PDB file of all heavy atoms in Angstrom:
ATOM      1  N   LYS A   1       0.847  -1.208   0.018  1.00  0.00           N
ATOM      2  CA  LYS A   1      -0.020  -0.019   0.021  1.00  0.00           C
ATOM      3  C   LYS A   1       0.878   1.260  -0.034  1.00  0.00           C
ATOM      4  O   LYS A   1       2.054   1.228   0.408  1.00  0.00           O
ATOM      5  CB  LYS A   1      -0.913   0.015   1.228  1.00  0.00           C
ATOM      6  CG  LYS A   1      -1.755  -1.222   1.425  1.00  0.00           C
ATOM      7  CD  LYS A   1      -2.880  -1.295   0.432  1.00  0.00           C
ATOM      8  CE  LYS A   1      -3.813  -2.444   0.710  1.00  0.00           C
ATOM      9  NZ  LYS A   1      -4.892  -2.610  -0.280  1.00  0.00           N
ATOM     10  N   PHE A   2       0.290   2.375  -0.439  1.00  0.00           N
ATOM     11  CA  PHE A   2       0.893   3.695  -0.412  1.00  0.00           C
ATOM     12  C   PHE A   2       2.294   3.715  -1.134  1.00  0.00           C
ATOM     13  O   PHE A   2       3.183   4.399  -0.735  1.00  0.00           O
ATOM     14  CB  PHE A   2       1.102   4.181   1.040  1.00  0.00           C
ATOM     15  CG  PHE A   2      -0.202   4.143   1.826  1.00  0.00           C
ATOM     16  CD1 PHE A   2      -0.268   3.313   2.945  1.00  0.00           C
ATOM     17  CD2 PHE A   2      -1.279   4.911   1.490  1.00  0.00           C
ATOM     18  CE1 PHE A   2      -1.419   3.286   3.704  1.00  0.00           C
ATOM     19  CE2 PHE A   2      -2.440   4.886   2.209  1.00  0.00           C
ATOM     20  CZ  PHE A   2      -2.522   4.075   3.339  1.00  0.00           C
ATOM     21  N   GLY A   3       2.406   2.917  -2.194  1.00  0.00           N
ATOM     22  CA  GLY A   3       3.662   2.898  -2.953  1.00  0.00           C
ATOM     23  C   GLY A   3       4.734   2.034  -2.386  1.00  0.00           C
ATOM     24  O   GLY A   3       5.800   1.916  -2.984  1.00  0.00           O
ATOM     25  N   ALA A   4       4.482   1.352  -1.273  1.00  0.00           N
ATOM     26  CA  ALA A   4       5.427   0.451  -0.698  1.00  0.00           C
ATOM     27  C   ALA A   4       5.530  -0.838  -1.507  1.00  0.00           C
ATOM     28  O   ALA A   4       4.583  -1.181  -2.209  1.00  0.00           O
ATOM     29  CB  ALA A   4       5.104   0.122   0.768  1.00  0.00           C
ATOM     30  N   PRO A   5       6.658  -1.550  -1.462  1.00  0.00           N
ATOM     31  CA  PRO A   5       6.757  -2.802  -2.191  1.00  0.00           C
ATOM     32  C   PRO A   5       5.809  -3.907  -1.627  1.00  0.00           C
ATOM     33  O   PRO A   5       5.580  -3.922  -0.446  1.00  0.00           O
ATOM     34  CB  PRO A   5       8.217  -3.203  -2.034  1.00  0.00           C
ATOM     35  CG  PRO A   5       8.665  -2.563  -0.783  1.00  0.00           C
ATOM     36  CD  PRO A   5       7.868  -1.234  -0.737  1.00  0.00           C
ATOM     37  N   GLU A   6       5.275  -4.721  -2.507  1.00  0.00           N
ATOM     38  CA  GLU A   6       4.432  -5.861  -2.065  1.00  0.00           C
ATOM     39  C   GLU A   6       5.369  -6.968  -1.578  1.00  0.00           C
ATOM     40  O   GLU A   6       6.048  -7.591  -2.346  1.00  0.00           O
ATOM     41  CB  GLU A   6       3.564  -6.367  -3.236  1.00  0.00           C
ATOM     42  CG  GLU A   6       2.642  -7.486  -2.820  1.00  0.00           C
ATOM     43  CD  GLU A   6       1.823  -7.991  -4.006  1.00  0.00           C
ATOM     44  OE1 GLU A   6       1.475  -7.167  -4.866  1.00  0.00           O
ATOM     45  OE2 GLU A   6       1.539  -9.222  -4.060  1.00  0.00           O
ATOM     46  N   MET A   7       5.365  -7.177  -0.232  1.00  0.00           N
ATOM     47  CA  MET A   7       6.340  -8.123   0.348  1.00  0.00           C
ATOM     48  C   MET A   7       5.742  -9.401   0.880  1.00  0.00           C
ATOM     49  O   MET A   7       6.477 -10.299   1.327  1.00  0.00           O
ATOM     50  CB  MET A   7       7.091  -7.399   1.484  1.00  0.00           C
ATOM     51  CG  MET A   7       7.849  -6.156   1.008  1.00  0.00           C
ATOM     52  SD  MET A   7       8.856  -5.364   2.349  1.00  0.00           S
ATOM     53  CE  MET A   7      10.105  -6.610   2.565  1.00  0.00           C
ATOM     54  N   GLY A   8       4.426  -9.510   0.878  1.00  0.00           N
ATOM     55  CA  GLY A   8       3.766 -10.760   1.312  1.00  0.00           C
ATOM     56  C   GLY A   8       4.167 -11.185   2.701  1.00  0.00           C
ATOM     57  O   GLY A   8       4.111 -10.329   3.648  1.00  0.00           O
ATOM     58  N   VAL A   9       4.587 -12.388   2.864  1.00  0.00           N
ATOM     59  CA  VAL A   9       4.896 -12.896   4.243  1.00  0.00           C
ATOM     60  C   VAL A   9       6.091 -12.123   4.862  1.00  0.00           C
ATOM     61  O   VAL A   9       6.165 -11.993   6.109  1.00  0.00           O
ATOM     62  CB  VAL A   9       5.193 -14.415   4.254  1.00  0.00           C
ATOM     63  CG1 VAL A   9       3.939 -15.188   3.894  1.00  0.00           C
ATOM     64  CG2 VAL A   9       6.326 -14.749   3.312  1.00  0.00           C
ATOM     65  N   ARG A  10       7.009 -11.663   4.045  1.00  0.00           N
ATOM     66  CA  ARG A  10       8.124 -10.877   4.606  1.00  0.00           C
ATOM     67  C   ARG A  10       7.611  -9.590   5.194  1.00  0.00           C
ATOM     68  O   ARG A  10       8.138  -9.123   6.222  1.00  0.00           O
ATOM     69  CB  ARG A  10       9.148 -10.554   3.474  1.00  0.00           C
ATOM     70  CG  ARG A  10       9.957 -11.777   2.999  1.00  0.00           C
ATOM     71  CD  ARG A  10      11.118 -11.323   2.165  1.00  0.00           C
ATOM     72  NE  ARG A  10      11.942 -12.468   1.715  1.00  0.00           N
ATOM     73  CZ  ARG A  10      11.838 -13.038   0.522  1.00  0.00           C
ATOM     74  NH1 ARG A  10      10.958 -12.583  -0.333  1.00  0.00           N
ATOM     75  NH2 ARG A  10      12.639 -14.036   0.190  1.00  0.00           N
ATOM     76  N   GLY A  11       6.577  -8.985   4.618  1.00  0.00           N
ATOM     77  CA  GLY A  11       5.998  -7.749   5.168  1.00  0.00           C
ATOM     78  C   GLY A  11       5.384  -8.033   6.537  1.00  0.00           C
ATOM     79  O   GLY A  11       5.561  -7.220   7.498  1.00  0.00           O
ATOM     80  N   ALA A  12       4.735  -9.171   6.721  1.00  0.00           N
ATOM     81  CA  ALA A  12       4.156  -9.544   7.996  1.00  0.00           C
ATOM     82  C   ALA A  12       5.268  -9.743   9.059  1.00  0.00           C
ATOM     83  O   ALA A  12       5.082  -9.338  10.203  1.00  0.00           O
ATOM     84  CB  ALA A  12       3.334 -10.796   7.878  1.00  0.00           C
ATOM     85  N   ALA A  13       6.350 -10.357   8.632  1.00  0.00           N
ATOM     86  CA  ALA A  13       7.457 -10.584   9.523  1.00  0.00           C
ATOM     87  C   ALA A  13       8.120  -9.278  10.019  1.00  0.00           C
ATOM     88  O   ALA A  13       8.466  -9.133  11.182  1.00  0.00           O
ATOM     89  CB  ALA A  13       8.514 -11.516   8.881  1.00  0.00           C
ATOM     90  N   ILE A  14       8.261  -8.342   9.084  1.00  0.00           N
ATOM     91  CA  ILE A  14       8.853  -7.048   9.443  1.00  0.00           C
ATOM     92  C   ILE A  14       7.936  -6.323  10.440  1.00  0.00           C
ATOM     93  O   ILE A  14       8.447  -5.687  11.430  1.00  0.00           O
ATOM     94  CB  ILE A  14       9.049  -6.162   8.152  1.00  0.00           C
ATOM     95  CG1 ILE A  14      10.209  -6.760   7.306  1.00  0.00           C
ATOM     96  CG2 ILE A  14       9.385  -4.739   8.550  1.00  0.00           C
ATOM     97  CD1 ILE A  14      10.310  -6.136   5.936  1.00  0.00           C
ATOM     98  N   GLY A  15       6.640  -6.394  10.259  1.00  0.00           N
ATOM     99  CA  GLY A  15       5.706  -5.789  11.232  1.00  0.00           C
ATOM    100  C   GLY A  15       5.877  -6.355  12.636  1.00  0.00           C
ATOM    101  O   GLY A  15       5.901  -5.606  13.628  1.00  0.00           O
ATOM    102  N   THR A  16       5.985  -7.650  12.699  1.00  0.00           N
ATOM    103  CA  THR A  16       6.138  -8.345  14.004  1.00  0.00           C
ATOM    104  C   THR A  16       7.502  -7.991  14.660  1.00  0.00           C
ATOM    105  O   THR A  16       7.570  -7.705  15.872  1.00  0.00           O
ATOM    106  CB  THR A  16       6.049  -9.867  13.849  1.00  0.00           C
ATOM    107  OG1 THR A  16       4.753 -10.210  13.220  1.00  0.00           O
ATOM    108  CG2 THR A  16       6.165 -10.565  15.181  1.00  0.00           C
ATOM    109  N   LEU A  17       8.541  -7.941  13.824  1.00  0.00           N
ATOM    110  CA  LEU A  17       9.883  -7.611  14.356  1.00  0.00           C
ATOM    111  C   LEU A  17       9.918  -6.169  14.900  1.00  0.00           C
ATOM    112  O   LEU A  17      10.442  -5.966  16.044  1.00  0.00           O
ATOM    113  CB  LEU A  17      10.915  -7.743  13.247  1.00  0.00           C
ATOM    114  CG  LEU A  17      12.376  -7.352  13.603  1.00  0.00           C
ATOM    115  CD1 LEU A  17      12.918  -8.126  14.793  1.00  0.00           C
ATOM    116  CD2 LEU A  17      13.288  -7.470  12.400  1.00  0.00           C
ATOM    117  N   ALA A  18       9.332  -5.257  14.206  1.00  0.00           N
ATOM    118  CA  ALA A  18       9.302  -3.836  14.634  1.00  0.00           C
ATOM    119  C   ALA A  18       8.528  -3.740  15.965  1.00  0.00           C
ATOM    120  O   ALA A  18       8.949  -3.009  16.911  1.00  0.00           O
ATOM    121  CB  ALA A  18       8.650  -2.964  13.590  1.00  0.00           C
ATOM    122  N   ALA A  19       7.412  -4.471  16.085  1.00  0.00           N
ATOM    123  CA  ALA A  19       6.615  -4.453  17.298  1.00  0.00           C
ATOM    124  C   ALA A  19       7.411  -5.012  18.507  1.00  0.00           C
ATOM    125  O   ALA A  19       7.348  -4.473  19.600  1.00  0.00           O
ATOM    126  CB  ALA A  19       5.327  -5.225  17.072  1.00  0.00           C
ATOM    127  N   ARG A  20       8.121  -6.118  18.251  1.00  0.00           N
ATOM    128  CA  ARG A  20       8.867  -6.727  19.324  1.00  0.00           C
ATOM    129  C   ARG A  20       9.993  -5.815  19.863  1.00  0.00           C
ATOM    130  O   ARG A  20      10.253  -5.709  21.044  1.00  0.00           O
ATOM    131  CB  ARG A  20       9.489  -8.042  18.883  1.00  0.00           C
ATOM    132  CG  ARG A  20       8.457  -9.167  18.522  1.00  0.00           C
ATOM    133  CD  ARG A  20       7.745  -9.609  19.725  1.00  0.00           C
ATOM    134  NE  ARG A  20       6.792 -10.697  19.420  1.00  0.00           N
ATOM    135  CZ  ARG A  20       5.534 -10.732  19.776  1.00  0.00           C
ATOM    136  NH1 ARG A  20       5.004  -9.709  20.473  1.00  0.00           N
ATOM    137  NH2 ARG A  20       4.742 -11.725  19.453  1.00  0.00           N
ATOM    138  N   ILE A  21      10.712  -5.117  18.920  1.00  0.00           N
ATOM    139  CA  ILE A  21      11.741  -4.234  19.356  1.00  0.00           C
ATOM    140  C   ILE A  21      11.182  -3.047  20.134  1.00  0.00           C
ATOM    141  O   ILE A  21      11.744  -2.663  21.186  1.00  0.00           O
ATOM    142  CB  ILE A  21      12.508  -3.710  18.086  1.00  0.00           C
ATOM    143  CG1 ILE A  21      13.280  -4.841  17.442  1.00  0.00           C
ATOM    144  CG2 ILE A  21      13.460  -2.563  18.479  1.00  0.00           C
ATOM    145  CD1 ILE A  21      13.923  -4.516  16.079  1.00  0.00           C
ATOM    146  N   LEU A  22      10.059  -2.532  19.699  1.00  0.00           N
ATOM    147  CA  LEU A  22       9.434  -1.431  20.425  1.00  0.00           C
ATOM    148  C   LEU A  22       9.030  -1.883  21.842  1.00  0.00           C
ATOM    149  O   LEU A  22       9.150  -1.126  22.803  1.00  0.00           O
ATOM    150  CB  LEU A  22       8.211  -0.932  19.623  1.00  0.00           C
ATOM    151  CG  LEU A  22       7.478   0.267  20.209  1.00  0.00           C
ATOM    152  CD1 LEU A  22       8.429   1.484  20.363  1.00  0.00           C
ATOM    153  CD2 LEU A  22       6.286   0.653  19.339  1.00  0.00           C
ATOM    154  N   GLU A  23       8.444  -3.079  21.973  1.00  0.00           N
ATOM    155  CA  GLU A  23       8.107  -3.637  23.295  1.00  0.00           C
ATOM    156  C   GLU A  23       9.310  -3.552  24.255  1.00  0.00           C
ATOM    157  O   GLU A  23       9.157  -3.107  25.380  1.00  0.00           O
ATOM    158  CB  GLU A  23       7.641  -5.057  23.174  1.00  0.00           C
ATOM    159  CG  GLU A  23       6.209  -5.284  22.690  1.00  0.00           C
ATOM    160  CD  GLU A  23       5.930  -6.793  22.548  1.00  0.00           C
ATOM    161  OE1 GLU A  23       6.847  -7.592  22.497  1.00  0.00           O
ATOM    162  OE2 GLU A  23       4.714  -7.109  22.477  1.00  0.00           O
ATOM    163  N   LEU A  24      10.443  -4.086  23.793  1.00  0.00           N
ATOM    164  CA  LEU A  24      11.609  -4.144  24.657  1.00  0.00           C
ATOM    165  C   LEU A  24      12.058  -2.731  25.072  1.00  0.00           C
ATOM    166  O   LEU A  24      12.392  -2.524  26.235  1.00  0.00           O
ATOM    167  CB  LEU A  24      12.723  -4.872  23.942  1.00  0.00           C
ATOM    168  CG  LEU A  24      14.037  -5.013  24.693  1.00  0.00           C
ATOM    169  CD1 LEU A  24      13.840  -5.723  26.058  1.00  0.00           C
ATOM    170  CD2 LEU A  24      15.095  -5.741  23.870  1.00  0.00           C
ATOM    171  N   ILE A  25      12.069  -1.774  24.120  1.00  0.00           N
ATOM    172  CA  ILE A  25      12.506  -0.425  24.478  1.00  0.00           C
ATOM    173  C   ILE A  25      11.583   0.170  25.548  1.00  0.00           C
ATOM    174  O   ILE A  25      12.076   0.769  26.509  1.00  0.00           O
ATOM    175  CB  ILE A  25      12.492   0.449  23.200  1.00  0.00           C
ATOM    176  CG1 ILE A  25      13.583  -0.038  22.197  1.00  0.00           C
ATOM    177  CG2 ILE A  25      12.670   1.910  23.527  1.00  0.00           C
ATOM    178  CD1 ILE A  25      13.508   0.611  20.850  1.00  0.00           C
ATOM    179  N   ILE A  26      10.289  -0.016  25.417  1.00  0.00           N
ATOM    180  CA  ILE A  26       9.358   0.583  26.369  1.00  0.00           C
ATOM    181  C   ILE A  26       9.539  -0.045  27.754  1.00  0.00           C
ATOM    182  O   ILE A  26       9.517   0.677  28.773  1.00  0.00           O
ATOM    183  CB  ILE A  26       7.908   0.425  25.862  1.00  0.00           C
ATOM    184  CG1 ILE A  26       7.675   1.212  24.577  1.00  0.00           C
ATOM    185  CG2 ILE A  26       6.964   0.925  26.939  1.00  0.00           C
ATOM    186  CD1 ILE A  26       6.346   1.019  23.922  1.00  0.00           C
ATOM    187  N   VAL A  27       9.666  -1.372  27.851  1.00  0.00           N
ATOM    188  CA  VAL A  27       9.751  -1.979  29.148  1.00  0.00           C
ATOM    189  C   VAL A  27      11.049  -1.621  29.852  1.00  0.00           C
ATOM    190  O   VAL A  27      11.129  -1.392  31.067  1.00  0.00           O
ATOM    191  CB  VAL A  27       9.582  -3.534  29.064  1.00  0.00           C
ATOM    192  CG1 VAL A  27      10.786  -4.240  28.493  1.00  0.00           C
ATOM    193  CG2 VAL A  27       9.270  -4.090  30.437  1.00  0.00           C
ATOM    194  N   ILE A  28      12.146  -1.447  29.083  1.00  0.00           N
ATOM    195  CA  ILE A  28      13.396  -1.035  29.671  1.00  0.00           C
ATOM    196  C   ILE A  28      13.309   0.380  30.188  1.00  0.00           C
ATOM    197  O   ILE A  28      13.754   0.713  31.328  1.00  0.00           O
ATOM    198  CB  ILE A  28      14.563  -1.153  28.654  1.00  0.00           C
ATOM    199  CG1 ILE A  28      14.898  -2.596  28.390  1.00  0.00           C
ATOM    200  CG2 ILE A  28      15.829  -0.396  29.097  1.00  0.00           C
ATOM    201  CD1 ILE A  28      15.890  -2.836  27.247  1.00  0.00           C
ATOM    202  N   LEU A  29      12.646   1.269  29.430  1.00  0.00           N
ATOM    203  CA  LEU A  29      12.462   2.641  29.857  1.00  0.00           C
ATOM    204  C   LEU A  29      11.595   2.709  31.139  1.00  0.00           C
ATOM    205  O   LEU A  29      11.853   3.488  32.041  1.00  0.00           O
ATOM    206  CB  LEU A  29      11.838   3.517  28.774  1.00  0.00           C
ATOM    207  CG  LEU A  29      12.757   3.760  27.544  1.00  0.00           C
ATOM    208  CD1 LEU A  29      11.972   4.510  26.462  1.00  0.00           C
ATOM    209  CD2 LEU A  29      13.974   4.594  27.953  1.00  0.00           C
ATOM    210  N   TYR A  30      10.587   1.858  31.208  1.00  0.00           N
ATOM    211  CA  TYR A  30       9.688   1.852  32.369  1.00  0.00           C
ATOM    212  C   TYR A  30      10.483   1.411  33.620  1.00  0.00           C
ATOM    213  O   TYR A  30      10.397   2.061  34.669  1.00  0.00           O
ATOM    214  CB  TYR A  30       8.540   0.890  32.185  1.00  0.00           C
ATOM    215  CG  TYR A  30       7.601   0.825  33.381  1.00  0.00           C
ATOM    216  CD1 TYR A  30       6.580   1.766  33.499  1.00  0.00           C
ATOM    217  CD2 TYR A  30       7.806  -0.101  34.337  1.00  0.00           C
ATOM    218  CE1 TYR A  30       5.735   1.744  34.598  1.00  0.00           C
ATOM    219  CE2 TYR A  30       6.944  -0.156  35.467  1.00  0.00           C
ATOM    220  CZ  TYR A  30       5.915   0.765  35.572  1.00  0.00           C
ATOM    221  OH  TYR A  30       5.140   0.750  36.673  1.00  0.00           O
ATOM    222  N   LEU A  31      11.261   0.352  33.475  1.00  0.00           N
ATOM    223  CA  LEU A  31      12.057  -0.141  34.616  1.00  0.00           C
ATOM    224  C   LEU A  31      13.090   0.876  35.076  1.00  0.00           C
ATOM    225  O   LEU A  31      13.395   1.018  36.270  1.00  0.00           O
ATOM    226  CB  LEU A  31      12.712  -1.445  34.288  1.00  0.00           C
ATOM    227  CG  LEU A  31      11.811  -2.692  34.298  1.00  0.00           C
ATOM    228  CD1 LEU A  31      12.452  -3.851  33.602  1.00  0.00           C
ATOM    229  CD2 LEU A  31      11.471  -3.054  35.788  1.00  0.00           C
ATOM    230  N   ALA A  32      13.659   1.617  34.096  1.00  0.00           N
ATOM    231  CA  ALA A  32      14.689   2.564  34.417  1.00  0.00           C
ATOM    232  C   ALA A  32      14.187   3.865  35.029  1.00  0.00           C
ATOM    233  O   ALA A  32      14.807   4.405  35.971  1.00  0.00           O
ATOM    234  CB  ALA A  32      15.480   2.897  33.133  1.00  0.00           C
ATOM    235  N   PHE A  33      12.999   4.333  34.624  1.00  0.00           N
ATOM    236  CA  PHE A  33      12.591   5.680  35.075  1.00  0.00           C
ATOM    237  C   PHE A  33      11.231   5.732  35.777  1.00  0.00           C
ATOM    238  O   PHE A  33      10.970   6.708  36.461  1.00  0.00           O
ATOM    239  CB  PHE A  33      12.494   6.592  33.806  1.00  0.00           C
ATOM    240  CG  PHE A  33      13.766   6.741  33.090  1.00  0.00           C
ATOM    241  CD1 PHE A  33      13.988   6.109  31.851  1.00  0.00           C
ATOM    242  CD2 PHE A  33      14.836   7.416  33.640  1.00  0.00           C
ATOM    243  CE1 PHE A  33      15.192   6.231  31.179  1.00  0.00           C
ATOM    244  CE2 PHE A  33      16.075   7.569  33.004  1.00  0.00           C
ATOM    245  CZ  PHE A  33      16.243   6.951  31.725  1.00  0.00           C
ATOM    246  N   LYS A  34      10.403   4.662  35.677  1.00  0.00           N
ATOM    247  CA  LYS A  34       9.025   4.779  36.227  1.00  0.00           C
ATOM    248  C   LYS A  34       8.754   3.880  37.353  1.00  0.00           C
ATOM    249  O   LYS A  34       8.015   4.197  38.290  1.00  0.00           O
ATOM    250  CB  LYS A  34       8.065   4.523  35.071  1.00  0.00           C
ATOM    251  CG  LYS A  34       6.621   4.884  35.367  1.00  0.00           C
ATOM    252  CD  LYS A  34       6.372   6.386  35.319  1.00  0.00           C
ATOM    253  CE  LYS A  34       4.900   6.691  35.532  1.00  0.00           C
ATOM    254  NZ  LYS A  34       4.706   8.169  35.572  1.00  0.00           N
ATOM    255  N   ASP A  35       9.323   2.690  37.366  1.00  0.00           N
ATOM    256  CA  ASP A  35       9.041   1.679  38.421  1.00  0.00           C
ATOM    257  C   ASP A  35       9.457   2.141  39.786  1.00  0.00           C
ATOM    258  O   ASP A  35      10.560   2.661  40.006  1.00  0.00           O
ATOM    259  CB  ASP A  35       9.784   0.357  38.061  1.00  0.00           C
ATOM    260  CG  ASP A  35       9.602  -0.670  39.190  1.00  0.00           C
ATOM    261  OD1 ASP A  35       8.491  -1.098  39.447  1.00  0.00           O
ATOM    262  OD2 ASP A  35      10.635  -1.007  39.732  1.00  0.00           O
ATOM    263  N   LYS A  36       8.519   1.954  40.774  1.00  0.00           N
ATOM    264  CA  LYS A  36       8.805   2.408  42.159  1.00  0.00           C
ATOM    265  C   LYS A  36       8.888   1.259  43.157  1.00  0.00           C
ATOM    266  O   LYS A  36       9.109   1.481  44.339  1.00  0.00           O
ATOM    267  CB  LYS A  36       7.639   3.363  42.601  1.00  0.00           C
ATOM    268  CG  LYS A  36       7.418   4.559  41.740  1.00  0.00           C
ATOM    269  CD  LYS A  36       8.642   5.505  41.684  1.00  0.00           C
ATOM    270  CE  LYS A  36       8.358   6.722  40.799  1.00  0.00           C
ATOM    271  NZ  LYS A  36       9.584   7.513  40.649  1.00  0.00           N
ATOM    272  N   LYS A  37       8.770  -0.010  42.641  1.00  0.00           N
ATOM    273  CA  LYS A  37       8.801  -1.114  43.580  1.00  0.00           C
ATOM    274  C   LYS A  37      10.156  -1.826  43.575  1.00  0.00           C
ATOM    275  O   LYS A  37      10.680  -2.188  44.626  1.00  0.00           O
ATOM    276  CB  LYS A  37       7.722  -2.129  43.154  1.00  0.00           C
ATOM    277  CG  LYS A  37       6.290  -1.646  43.309  1.00  0.00           C
ATOM    278  CD  LYS A  37       5.307  -2.669  42.805  1.00  0.00           C
ATOM    279  CE  LYS A  37       3.850  -2.159  42.980  1.00  0.00           C
ATOM    280  NZ  LYS A  37       2.835  -3.148  42.439  1.00  0.00           N
ATOM    281  N   LEU A  38      10.746  -1.992  42.411  1.00  0.00           N
ATOM    282  CA  LEU A  38      11.963  -2.799  42.355  1.00  0.00           C
ATOM    283  C   LEU A  38      13.245  -1.983  42.351  1.00  0.00           C
ATOM    284  O   LEU A  38      14.293  -2.430  42.852  1.00  0.00           O
ATOM    285  CB  LEU A  38      11.982  -3.647  41.046  1.00  0.00           C
ATOM    286  CG  LEU A  38      10.937  -4.801  41.027  1.00  0.00           C
ATOM    287  CD1 LEU A  38      10.762  -5.304  39.604  1.00  0.00           C
ATOM    288  CD2 LEU A  38      11.353  -5.919  41.932  1.00  0.00           C
TER     289      LEU A  38
END
């Protein structure tokens, strides 16, 4: 879509990979700056 290449299953894999990396970044930032218990 929107002029991007048609990647099929590779496109689905890239979406999952990006989501997993973002998850890790957020949880590390939470533990470093927001958590008040540990």
